N, C-alpha and C. Protein backbone atom coordinates (compact mmCIF):
# COMPACT_ATOMS: atom_id res chain seq x y z
N MET A 1 0.84 -1.25 -0.02
CA MET A 1 -0.02 0.01 0.03
C MET A 1 0.85 1.26 0.02
N ASP A 2 0.65 2.11 -0.91
CA ASP A 2 1.46 3.34 -1.02
C ASP A 2 0.94 4.45 -0.11
N TYR A 3 1.63 5.54 -0.13
CA TYR A 3 1.19 6.65 0.80
C TYR A 3 -0.16 7.23 0.43
N GLU A 4 -0.45 7.37 -0.82
CA GLU A 4 -1.71 8.01 -1.32
C GLU A 4 -2.88 7.14 -0.83
N ASN A 5 -2.68 5.82 -1.08
CA ASN A 5 -3.86 4.98 -0.67
C ASN A 5 -4.10 4.97 0.84
N LEU A 6 -2.92 5.04 1.60
CA LEU A 6 -2.99 5.08 2.99
C LEU A 6 -3.75 6.44 3.50
N LYS A 7 -3.43 7.44 2.86
CA LYS A 7 -3.96 8.83 3.10
C LYS A 7 -5.62 8.81 2.97
N ILE A 8 -5.92 8.16 1.80
CA ILE A 8 -7.34 8.08 1.37
C ILE A 8 -8.04 7.22 2.48
N SER A 9 -7.42 6.02 2.83
CA SER A 9 -8.01 5.24 3.77
C SER A 9 -8.13 5.96 5.20
N ALA A 10 -7.21 6.52 5.57
CA ALA A 10 -7.14 7.26 6.87
C ALA A 10 -8.19 8.36 6.88
N GLY A 11 -8.54 8.99 5.79
CA GLY A 11 -9.51 10.02 5.67
C GLY A 11 -10.75 9.49 5.81
N LYS A 12 -11.10 8.20 5.52
CA LYS A 12 -12.39 7.63 5.59
C LYS A 12 -12.73 7.15 7.04
N ILE A 13 -11.77 7.16 7.92
CA ILE A 13 -12.04 6.75 9.24
C ILE A 13 -12.76 7.93 9.93
N VAL A 14 -13.95 7.40 10.57
CA VAL A 14 -14.82 8.34 11.25
C VAL A 14 -14.58 8.29 12.80
N MET A 15 -14.32 9.54 13.32
CA MET A 15 -14.02 9.66 14.86
C MET A 15 -14.95 10.72 15.34
N SER A 16 -15.30 10.48 16.59
CA SER A 16 -16.15 11.48 17.20
C SER A 16 -15.13 12.68 17.58
N GLU A 17 -15.78 13.82 17.87
CA GLU A 17 -15.02 14.97 18.25
C GLU A 17 -14.30 14.76 19.52
N LYS A 18 -14.91 14.11 20.36
CA LYS A 18 -14.22 13.78 21.73
C LYS A 18 -12.97 12.89 21.50
N THR A 19 -13.05 11.79 20.74
CA THR A 19 -11.99 11.05 20.37
C THR A 19 -10.88 11.81 19.69
N LYS A 20 -11.17 12.68 18.79
CA LYS A 20 -10.19 13.59 18.10
C LYS A 20 -9.45 14.38 19.22
N GLU A 21 -10.20 15.01 20.05
CA GLU A 21 -9.61 15.78 21.08
C GLU A 21 -8.68 15.05 21.99
N GLU A 22 -9.04 13.88 22.45
CA GLU A 22 -8.23 12.99 23.29
C GLU A 22 -6.94 12.63 22.63
N LEU A 23 -7.09 12.28 21.27
CA LEU A 23 -6.02 11.88 20.42
C LEU A 23 -4.99 13.03 20.34
N ILE A 24 -5.48 14.28 20.13
CA ILE A 24 -4.63 15.50 20.07
C ILE A 24 -3.88 15.74 21.41
N LYS A 25 -4.70 15.67 22.47
CA LYS A 25 -4.17 15.90 23.82
C LYS A 25 -3.01 14.79 24.17
N ASN A 26 -3.22 13.62 23.85
CA ASN A 26 -2.18 12.56 24.10
C ASN A 26 -0.97 12.82 23.24
N CYS A 27 -1.08 13.32 21.95
CA CYS A 27 0.07 13.57 21.20
C CYS A 27 0.84 14.71 21.67
N GLU A 28 0.06 15.81 22.13
CA GLU A 28 0.73 16.95 22.75
C GLU A 28 1.43 16.58 24.00
N SER A 29 0.83 15.69 24.93
CA SER A 29 1.45 15.25 26.09
C SER A 29 2.77 14.49 25.83
N ILE A 30 2.77 13.68 24.91
CA ILE A 30 3.95 12.92 24.62
C ILE A 30 5.05 13.83 24.07
N ALA A 31 4.65 14.79 23.24
CA ALA A 31 5.64 15.71 22.77
C ALA A 31 6.23 16.62 23.85
N GLU A 32 5.31 17.05 24.73
CA GLU A 32 5.88 17.93 25.86
C GLU A 32 6.69 17.05 26.75
N GLU A 33 6.44 15.71 27.05
CA GLU A 33 7.29 14.99 27.93
C GLU A 33 8.68 14.77 27.34
N LYS A 34 8.70 14.62 25.99
CA LYS A 34 9.98 14.37 25.26
C LYS A 34 10.76 15.69 25.34
N ASN A 35 10.05 16.91 25.30
CA ASN A 35 10.73 18.07 25.40
C ASN A 35 11.27 18.45 26.78
N MET A 36 10.51 18.05 27.86
CA MET A 36 11.04 18.10 29.20
C MET A 36 12.27 17.27 29.45
N ASN A 37 12.14 16.02 28.94
CA ASN A 37 13.35 15.19 29.12
C ASN A 37 14.62 15.67 28.44
N ARG A 38 14.35 16.28 27.37
CA ARG A 38 15.50 17.04 26.73
C ARG A 38 16.15 18.19 27.64
N LYS A 39 15.17 18.96 28.14
CA LYS A 39 15.63 20.01 29.04
C LYS A 39 16.37 19.57 30.30
N LYS A 40 15.77 18.41 30.90
CA LYS A 40 16.42 17.85 32.03
C LYS A 40 17.83 17.32 31.66
N THR A 41 17.87 16.64 30.55
CA THR A 41 19.21 16.09 30.22
C THR A 41 20.26 17.24 30.03
N PHE A 42 19.71 18.27 29.29
CA PHE A 42 20.62 19.46 29.06
C PHE A 42 21.05 20.05 30.29
N GLN A 43 20.20 20.24 31.42
CA GLN A 43 20.52 20.89 32.64
C GLN A 43 21.49 20.01 33.38
N LYS A 44 21.24 18.65 33.35
CA LYS A 44 22.20 17.81 34.02
C LYS A 44 23.53 17.87 33.38
N ASN A 45 23.61 17.88 32.09
CA ASN A 45 24.91 17.90 31.37
C ASN A 45 25.59 19.24 31.73
N THR A 46 24.82 20.34 31.76
CA THR A 46 25.35 21.62 32.02
C THR A 46 25.86 21.76 33.52
N ALA A 47 25.16 21.10 34.48
CA ALA A 47 25.70 21.10 35.82
C ALA A 47 26.92 20.34 35.97
N VAL A 48 27.10 19.18 35.25
CA VAL A 48 28.24 18.32 35.38
C VAL A 48 29.38 19.10 34.80
N ILE A 49 29.23 19.73 33.63
CA ILE A 49 30.21 20.54 33.08
C ILE A 49 30.78 21.62 33.95
N ALA A 50 29.81 22.35 34.58
CA ALA A 50 30.20 23.41 35.58
C ALA A 50 31.00 22.91 36.71
N VAL A 51 30.60 21.72 37.25
CA VAL A 51 31.38 21.24 38.38
C VAL A 51 32.80 20.80 38.00
N VAL A 52 32.83 20.18 36.87
CA VAL A 52 34.24 19.74 36.35
C VAL A 52 35.12 20.86 36.05
N ALA A 53 34.54 21.91 35.44
CA ALA A 53 35.19 23.20 35.18
C ALA A 53 35.77 23.93 36.42
N ALA A 54 34.85 23.89 37.41
CA ALA A 54 35.30 24.49 38.70
C ALA A 54 36.47 23.74 39.32
N CYS A 55 36.35 22.30 39.35
CA CYS A 55 37.34 21.61 39.95
C CYS A 55 38.71 21.78 39.14
N LEU A 56 38.70 21.81 37.75
CA LEU A 56 39.84 22.02 37.06
C LEU A 56 40.38 23.28 37.33
N CYS A 57 39.68 24.40 37.50
CA CYS A 57 40.06 25.75 37.79
C CYS A 57 40.86 25.79 39.16
N CYS A 58 40.15 25.21 40.16
CA CYS A 58 40.68 25.16 41.51
C CYS A 58 42.06 24.41 41.45
N THR A 59 42.04 23.29 40.83
CA THR A 59 43.25 22.57 40.82
C THR A 59 44.40 23.29 40.09
N ALA A 60 44.11 23.89 38.96
CA ALA A 60 45.09 24.73 38.17
C ALA A 60 45.55 25.87 38.98
N ALA A 61 44.59 26.51 39.79
CA ALA A 61 45.01 27.61 40.67
C ALA A 61 45.73 27.25 41.92
N GLY A 62 45.72 25.91 42.16
CA GLY A 62 46.45 25.40 43.45
C GLY A 62 45.73 25.74 44.72
N ILE A 63 44.44 25.88 44.66
CA ILE A 63 43.72 26.30 45.92
C ILE A 63 42.83 25.26 46.38
N VAL A 64 43.10 23.96 45.94
CA VAL A 64 42.37 22.87 46.49
C VAL A 64 42.77 22.68 48.04
N TYR A 65 41.89 22.53 48.87
CA TYR A 65 42.20 22.43 50.23
C TYR A 65 41.56 21.18 50.86
N HIS A 66 42.43 20.35 51.36
CA HIS A 66 42.02 19.03 51.93
C HIS A 66 41.73 19.18 53.31
N HIS A 67 40.65 18.65 53.80
CA HIS A 67 40.14 18.75 55.24
C HIS A 67 40.60 17.42 55.90
N GLY A 68 40.91 17.51 57.00
CA GLY A 68 41.19 16.25 57.88
C GLY A 68 39.91 15.54 58.20
N PHE A 69 40.08 14.30 58.63
CA PHE A 69 38.85 13.50 58.95
C PHE A 69 39.23 12.57 60.13
N PHE A 70 38.17 12.27 60.92
CA PHE A 70 38.38 11.29 61.92
C PHE A 70 38.32 9.80 61.47
N LYS A 71 39.02 8.99 62.04
CA LYS A 71 39.10 7.57 61.74
C LYS A 71 39.19 6.69 62.97
N ASP A 72 38.51 5.63 63.06
CA ASP A 72 38.61 4.84 64.30
C ASP A 72 39.89 4.00 64.29
N ILE A 73 40.42 3.87 65.44
CA ILE A 73 41.56 3.01 65.74
C ILE A 73 40.99 1.61 66.13
N VAL A 74 41.19 0.57 65.31
CA VAL A 74 40.62 -0.67 65.49
C VAL A 74 41.64 -1.74 65.91
N ARG A 75 41.33 -2.42 66.96
CA ARG A 75 42.13 -3.45 67.45
C ARG A 75 42.07 -4.73 66.57
N PHE A 76 43.01 -5.67 66.74
CA PHE A 76 43.12 -6.95 65.82
C PHE A 76 41.87 -7.64 65.76
N ASP A 77 40.98 -7.59 66.96
CA ASP A 77 39.81 -8.39 66.86
C ASP A 77 38.51 -7.58 66.38
N GLY A 78 38.83 -6.37 65.82
CA GLY A 78 37.74 -5.59 65.27
C GLY A 78 37.07 -4.59 66.21
N ALA A 79 37.61 -4.54 67.55
CA ALA A 79 36.95 -3.70 68.48
C ALA A 79 37.60 -2.23 68.27
N VAL A 80 36.74 -1.17 68.30
CA VAL A 80 37.21 0.21 68.30
C VAL A 80 37.79 0.61 69.58
N VAL A 81 39.13 0.95 69.64
CA VAL A 81 39.76 1.27 70.91
C VAL A 81 40.12 2.84 70.84
N GLY A 82 39.75 3.59 69.88
CA GLY A 82 40.07 4.94 69.93
C GLY A 82 39.83 5.65 68.65
N THR A 83 40.28 6.89 68.50
CA THR A 83 39.98 7.78 67.34
C THR A 83 41.28 8.39 66.99
N LYS A 84 41.53 8.60 65.71
CA LYS A 84 42.70 9.43 65.31
C LYS A 84 42.09 10.48 64.18
N TYR A 85 42.91 11.52 63.95
CA TYR A 85 42.48 12.55 63.06
C TYR A 85 43.55 12.54 62.03
N GLU A 86 43.16 12.32 60.69
CA GLU A 86 44.18 12.16 59.61
C GLU A 86 44.00 13.33 58.64
N GLN A 87 45.17 13.44 57.77
CA GLN A 87 45.29 14.47 56.80
C GLN A 87 45.01 15.90 57.22
N ALA A 88 45.73 16.20 58.32
CA ALA A 88 45.69 17.57 58.87
C ALA A 88 46.71 18.47 58.39
N THR A 89 47.44 18.17 57.38
CA THR A 89 48.62 18.87 56.83
C THR A 89 48.24 20.43 56.63
N ASP A 90 47.09 20.51 55.92
CA ASP A 90 46.72 21.95 55.53
C ASP A 90 46.02 22.70 56.68
N GLU A 91 45.76 22.01 57.84
CA GLU A 91 45.13 22.67 58.99
C GLU A 91 45.95 23.16 60.04
N ILE A 92 47.25 22.67 59.95
CA ILE A 92 48.28 23.13 60.97
C ILE A 92 49.49 23.70 60.20
N LYS A 93 50.00 24.80 60.66
CA LYS A 93 51.18 25.43 60.19
C LYS A 93 52.30 25.25 61.15
N VAL A 94 53.53 24.92 60.67
CA VAL A 94 54.61 24.63 61.52
C VAL A 94 55.77 25.57 61.04
N SER A 95 56.38 26.19 62.01
CA SER A 95 57.71 26.97 61.81
C SER A 95 58.69 26.65 62.81
N ALA A 96 59.96 26.92 62.72
CA ALA A 96 61.05 26.52 63.46
C ALA A 96 62.05 27.61 63.59
N ALA A 97 62.74 27.79 64.66
CA ALA A 97 63.81 28.74 64.89
C ALA A 97 64.83 27.95 65.80
N ALA A 98 66.03 27.97 65.35
CA ALA A 98 67.16 27.13 66.17
C ALA A 98 68.16 28.03 66.71
N ASP A 99 68.74 27.71 67.90
CA ASP A 99 69.88 28.28 68.33
C ASP A 99 70.92 27.18 68.69
N THR A 100 71.94 27.38 69.41
CA THR A 100 73.01 26.41 69.53
C THR A 100 72.45 25.16 70.43
N GLU A 101 71.51 25.44 71.34
CA GLU A 101 71.12 24.38 72.21
C GLU A 101 69.80 23.73 71.99
N LYS A 102 68.94 24.36 71.17
CA LYS A 102 67.58 23.90 71.09
C LYS A 102 66.82 24.39 69.66
N ILE A 103 65.87 23.74 69.38
CA ILE A 103 64.98 24.24 68.28
C ILE A 103 63.68 24.40 68.80
N THR A 104 63.13 25.59 68.57
CA THR A 104 61.80 25.90 69.04
C THR A 104 60.80 25.86 67.87
N ILE A 105 59.85 25.05 68.08
CA ILE A 105 58.84 24.80 66.94
C ILE A 105 57.61 25.47 67.30
N THR A 106 57.08 26.29 66.51
CA THR A 106 55.80 26.88 66.68
C THR A 106 54.70 26.24 65.95
N VAL A 107 53.71 25.67 66.55
CA VAL A 107 52.61 24.95 65.96
C VAL A 107 51.36 25.77 66.03
N LYS A 108 50.76 26.05 64.83
CA LYS A 108 49.60 26.97 64.86
C LYS A 108 48.39 26.43 64.05
N ALA A 109 47.26 26.28 64.62
CA ALA A 109 46.07 25.79 63.85
C ALA A 109 45.59 26.85 62.98
N VAL A 110 45.29 26.57 61.74
CA VAL A 110 44.83 27.53 60.77
C VAL A 110 43.55 28.13 61.31
N ASP A 111 42.63 27.37 61.72
CA ASP A 111 41.34 27.77 62.31
C ASP A 111 41.16 27.24 63.65
N PRO A 112 41.74 27.98 64.81
CA PRO A 112 41.67 27.48 66.16
C PRO A 112 40.22 27.19 66.68
N SER A 113 39.18 27.74 66.07
CA SER A 113 37.81 27.58 66.54
C SER A 113 37.22 26.29 66.05
N ALA A 114 37.94 25.65 64.97
CA ALA A 114 37.46 24.35 64.36
C ALA A 114 37.67 23.25 65.29
N TYR A 115 36.95 22.11 65.21
CA TYR A 115 37.11 20.95 65.91
C TYR A 115 38.14 20.11 65.12
N PRO A 116 39.11 19.44 65.71
CA PRO A 116 39.28 19.22 67.13
C PRO A 116 40.19 20.25 67.80
N TYR A 117 40.68 21.24 67.05
CA TYR A 117 41.62 22.18 67.75
C TYR A 117 41.07 23.10 68.76
N ALA A 118 39.84 23.31 68.67
CA ALA A 118 39.01 24.17 69.70
C ALA A 118 39.11 23.35 71.10
N GLU A 119 39.17 22.04 71.03
CA GLU A 119 39.05 21.20 72.30
C GLU A 119 40.52 20.93 72.87
N ILE A 120 41.58 21.05 72.07
CA ILE A 120 42.86 20.57 72.54
C ILE A 120 43.40 21.57 73.46
N GLU A 121 43.95 21.03 74.64
CA GLU A 121 44.63 21.97 75.63
C GLU A 121 46.06 21.76 75.55
N ASN A 122 46.58 20.75 75.16
CA ASN A 122 47.97 20.49 75.09
C ASN A 122 48.36 19.64 73.92
N ILE A 123 49.62 19.84 73.43
CA ILE A 123 49.96 19.13 72.28
C ILE A 123 51.48 18.70 72.31
N LYS A 124 51.82 17.65 71.69
CA LYS A 124 53.25 17.21 71.59
C LYS A 124 53.58 16.55 70.31
N LEU A 125 54.84 16.46 69.93
CA LEU A 125 55.24 15.78 68.78
C LEU A 125 55.07 14.27 69.06
N ASN A 126 54.60 13.51 68.15
CA ASN A 126 54.40 12.05 68.30
C ASN A 126 55.48 11.34 67.42
N ASP A 127 55.41 11.55 66.09
CA ASP A 127 56.29 10.83 65.13
C ASP A 127 57.11 11.95 64.44
N TYR A 128 58.31 12.03 64.68
CA TYR A 128 59.20 13.08 64.00
C TYR A 128 60.47 12.65 63.90
N LYS A 129 61.28 13.37 63.03
CA LYS A 129 62.80 13.13 63.01
C LYS A 129 63.43 14.44 62.50
N ILE A 130 64.70 14.59 62.76
CA ILE A 130 65.53 15.66 62.16
C ILE A 130 66.47 15.03 61.33
N VAL A 131 66.72 15.54 60.06
CA VAL A 131 67.68 14.94 59.23
C VAL A 131 68.68 15.99 58.85
N ASP A 132 69.91 15.70 58.44
CA ASP A 132 70.87 16.63 58.08
C ASP A 132 70.72 16.86 56.57
N LYS A 133 71.71 17.67 56.00
CA LYS A 133 71.58 18.09 54.60
C LYS A 133 71.70 16.96 53.70
N ASN A 134 72.25 15.81 54.16
CA ASN A 134 72.53 14.57 53.31
C ASN A 134 71.33 13.57 53.51
N GLY A 135 70.37 13.91 54.33
CA GLY A 135 69.22 13.09 54.57
C GLY A 135 69.42 12.05 55.67
N LYS A 136 70.47 12.15 56.36
CA LYS A 136 70.86 11.20 57.54
C LYS A 136 70.08 11.64 58.70
N THR A 137 69.46 10.73 59.39
CA THR A 137 68.67 11.08 60.54
C THR A 137 69.55 11.31 61.74
N VAL A 138 69.39 12.43 62.39
CA VAL A 138 70.24 12.82 63.51
C VAL A 138 69.51 12.70 64.84
N ILE A 139 68.11 12.90 64.81
CA ILE A 139 67.35 12.79 65.92
C ILE A 139 66.05 12.07 65.45
N ASP A 140 65.57 11.01 66.17
CA ASP A 140 64.43 10.32 65.79
C ASP A 140 63.48 10.08 67.03
N ASN A 141 62.39 10.71 67.07
CA ASN A 141 61.39 10.46 68.10
C ASN A 141 61.91 10.58 69.50
N LEU A 142 62.76 11.58 69.77
CA LEU A 142 63.26 11.82 71.10
C LEU A 142 62.02 12.13 71.93
N PRO A 143 61.90 11.59 73.08
CA PRO A 143 60.73 11.82 74.02
C PRO A 143 60.64 13.24 74.42
N LEU A 144 59.46 13.87 74.26
CA LEU A 144 59.30 15.32 74.61
C LEU A 144 58.11 15.46 75.57
N GLU A 145 58.19 16.58 76.24
CA GLU A 145 56.99 16.92 77.16
C GLU A 145 55.96 17.51 76.34
N GLU A 146 54.70 17.50 76.78
CA GLU A 146 53.61 18.19 76.04
C GLU A 146 53.77 19.71 76.38
N SER A 147 53.18 20.46 75.41
CA SER A 147 53.17 21.91 75.50
C SER A 147 51.73 22.45 75.53
N ASP A 148 51.57 23.54 76.23
CA ASP A 148 50.26 24.11 76.27
C ASP A 148 49.73 24.59 74.83
N PHE A 149 48.54 24.30 74.54
CA PHE A 149 47.97 24.66 73.25
C PHE A 149 46.84 25.65 73.54
N SER A 150 47.17 26.98 73.37
CA SER A 150 46.19 27.94 73.77
C SER A 150 45.93 28.95 72.50
N ASP A 151 44.64 29.12 72.23
CA ASP A 151 44.20 29.89 71.09
C ASP A 151 44.86 29.31 69.78
N GLY A 152 44.98 27.98 69.65
CA GLY A 152 45.36 27.21 68.64
C GLY A 152 46.90 27.36 68.32
N THR A 153 47.61 27.66 69.28
CA THR A 153 49.01 27.91 69.08
C THR A 153 49.81 27.28 70.29
N ALA A 154 50.93 26.60 69.95
CA ALA A 154 51.89 26.07 70.93
C ALA A 154 53.29 26.19 70.46
N GLU A 155 54.26 26.12 71.46
CA GLU A 155 55.67 26.22 71.22
C GLU A 155 56.16 24.89 71.84
N ILE A 156 56.94 24.15 70.96
CA ILE A 156 57.57 22.84 71.40
C ILE A 156 59.09 22.99 71.22
N THR A 157 59.84 22.60 72.31
CA THR A 157 61.23 22.68 72.23
C THR A 157 61.89 21.28 72.16
N ILE A 158 62.83 21.24 71.18
CA ILE A 158 63.65 19.98 71.05
C ILE A 158 65.08 20.35 71.38
N PRO A 159 65.63 19.59 72.37
CA PRO A 159 67.07 19.90 72.59
C PRO A 159 67.96 19.37 71.47
N LEU A 160 69.03 20.22 71.08
CA LEU A 160 69.92 19.87 70.09
C LEU A 160 71.24 19.51 70.75
N LYS A 161 71.49 18.34 71.01
CA LYS A 161 72.87 17.91 71.60
C LYS A 161 73.58 16.93 70.56
N ASP A 162 74.84 17.23 70.51
CA ASP A 162 75.72 16.42 69.66
C ASP A 162 75.24 16.31 68.19
N ILE A 163 74.82 17.49 67.73
CA ILE A 163 74.56 17.72 66.31
C ILE A 163 75.39 18.78 65.66
N GLU A 164 75.90 18.44 64.63
CA GLU A 164 76.82 19.40 63.89
C GLU A 164 76.01 20.50 63.40
N ASN A 165 76.68 21.71 63.34
CA ASN A 165 76.11 22.86 62.80
C ASN A 165 75.92 22.70 61.37
N GLY A 166 74.90 23.46 60.74
CA GLY A 166 74.56 23.39 59.29
C GLY A 166 73.13 23.32 59.05
N ASP A 167 72.75 22.94 57.80
CA ASP A 167 71.39 22.89 57.41
C ASP A 167 70.77 21.58 57.87
N HIS A 168 69.57 21.66 58.29
CA HIS A 168 68.77 20.49 58.75
C HIS A 168 67.40 20.63 58.40
N LYS A 169 66.60 19.59 58.51
CA LYS A 169 65.15 19.50 58.17
C LYS A 169 64.47 18.78 59.22
N LEU A 170 63.36 19.34 59.75
CA LEU A 170 62.47 18.65 60.64
C LEU A 170 61.31 18.13 59.93
N ILE A 171 61.12 16.79 60.02
CA ILE A 171 59.98 16.13 59.33
C ILE A 171 59.09 15.57 60.46
N ILE A 172 57.80 16.09 60.36
CA ILE A 172 56.81 15.60 61.34
C ILE A 172 55.68 14.83 60.76
N SER A 173 55.38 13.67 61.23
CA SER A 173 54.30 12.78 60.63
C SER A 173 53.07 12.84 61.49
N SER A 174 53.31 13.19 62.88
CA SER A 174 52.02 13.21 63.65
C SER A 174 52.33 13.96 65.00
N PHE A 175 51.19 14.54 65.53
CA PHE A 175 51.18 15.10 66.81
C PHE A 175 50.17 14.37 67.74
N VAL A 176 50.29 14.50 69.08
CA VAL A 176 49.22 14.04 69.90
C VAL A 176 48.67 15.22 70.80
N GLY A 177 47.29 15.45 70.61
CA GLY A 177 46.62 16.50 71.24
C GLY A 177 45.94 15.93 72.46
N GLY A 178 45.90 16.64 73.54
CA GLY A 178 45.09 16.10 74.85
C GLY A 178 44.35 17.23 75.33
N SER A 179 43.36 16.72 76.20
CA SER A 179 42.50 17.61 76.97
C SER A 179 42.11 16.79 78.21
N LYS A 180 41.77 17.48 79.34
CA LYS A 180 41.42 16.86 80.53
C LYS A 180 40.02 15.91 80.19
N GLY A 181 40.14 14.66 80.77
CA GLY A 181 38.89 13.78 80.61
C GLY A 181 38.70 13.19 79.32
N ASP A 182 39.67 13.59 78.25
CA ASP A 182 39.50 12.90 76.93
C ASP A 182 40.71 12.02 76.62
N GLN A 183 40.59 11.08 75.89
CA GLN A 183 41.62 10.23 75.38
C GLN A 183 42.50 11.02 74.42
N PRO A 184 43.85 10.91 74.42
CA PRO A 184 44.71 11.53 73.54
C PRO A 184 44.33 11.34 72.10
N LEU A 185 44.46 12.35 71.35
CA LEU A 185 44.09 12.24 69.95
C LEU A 185 45.33 12.42 69.01
N MET A 186 45.54 11.45 68.24
CA MET A 186 46.69 11.44 67.25
C MET A 186 46.28 12.29 66.03
N ILE A 187 46.93 13.24 65.72
CA ILE A 187 46.75 14.11 64.41
C ILE A 187 47.89 13.84 63.58
N SER A 188 47.49 13.25 62.39
CA SER A 188 48.62 12.96 61.50
C SER A 188 48.55 13.75 60.21
N GLY A 189 49.69 13.92 59.51
CA GLY A 189 49.83 14.69 58.32
C GLY A 189 51.28 14.67 57.91
N LYS A 190 51.70 15.63 57.24
CA LYS A 190 53.18 15.71 56.67
C LYS A 190 53.59 17.17 56.71
N TRP A 191 54.44 17.44 57.59
CA TRP A 191 55.06 18.78 57.76
C TRP A 191 56.58 18.67 57.70
N GLU A 192 57.20 19.60 56.92
CA GLU A 192 58.63 19.64 56.76
C GLU A 192 59.06 21.08 56.95
N VAL A 193 60.10 21.33 57.81
CA VAL A 193 60.52 22.59 58.08
C VAL A 193 62.05 22.63 57.95
N ASP A 194 62.68 23.47 57.12
CA ASP A 194 64.09 23.64 57.13
C ASP A 194 64.52 24.61 58.09
N PHE A 195 65.79 24.33 58.74
CA PHE A 195 66.32 25.22 59.76
C PHE A 195 67.81 25.13 59.67
N THR A 196 68.61 26.18 60.13
CA THR A 196 69.96 26.07 60.22
C THR A 196 70.36 26.59 61.55
N PHE A 197 71.45 25.93 62.13
CA PHE A 197 72.04 26.41 63.36
C PHE A 197 73.58 26.28 63.41
């Protein structure tokens, strides 16, 4: 059957006005639904493109900021025995000043009102070492006293005995923060400070 015969046959079909109106409404509804789906797809694609572009711009500009997070300390049998705070590198700034007898490290929370720093009353170095200009370790986790952590700032002193003068680097992997009535909180990250004495 060709198109002309089909057209003539379709023209002979008798429909009531009500049926014609329903048929037209159904066709319009289907067309509108397809149009809405196209708009939603376009909006989703536009949103994804905007997010990807923002991420690329932030990465290119070097302003990506990593927030620390809490993680359970789990014993060998699966029991949770504590909590630690990881990836705090961008949340704590460390500087150092050395003289002939000691190195004084200044530890400063970027946002002292943020948790956990707002709750910490004292802090000490937990895992650290000092290396010389050749990368040889000269001090490794020497036991230290805790220091007061007030307004997000503390000063920690490391005695420098039997170390040759010259360029050195302090490498810190973790601190331990404490407050009365709370379990000590290990705060880990990666901090490196060059100093000379």
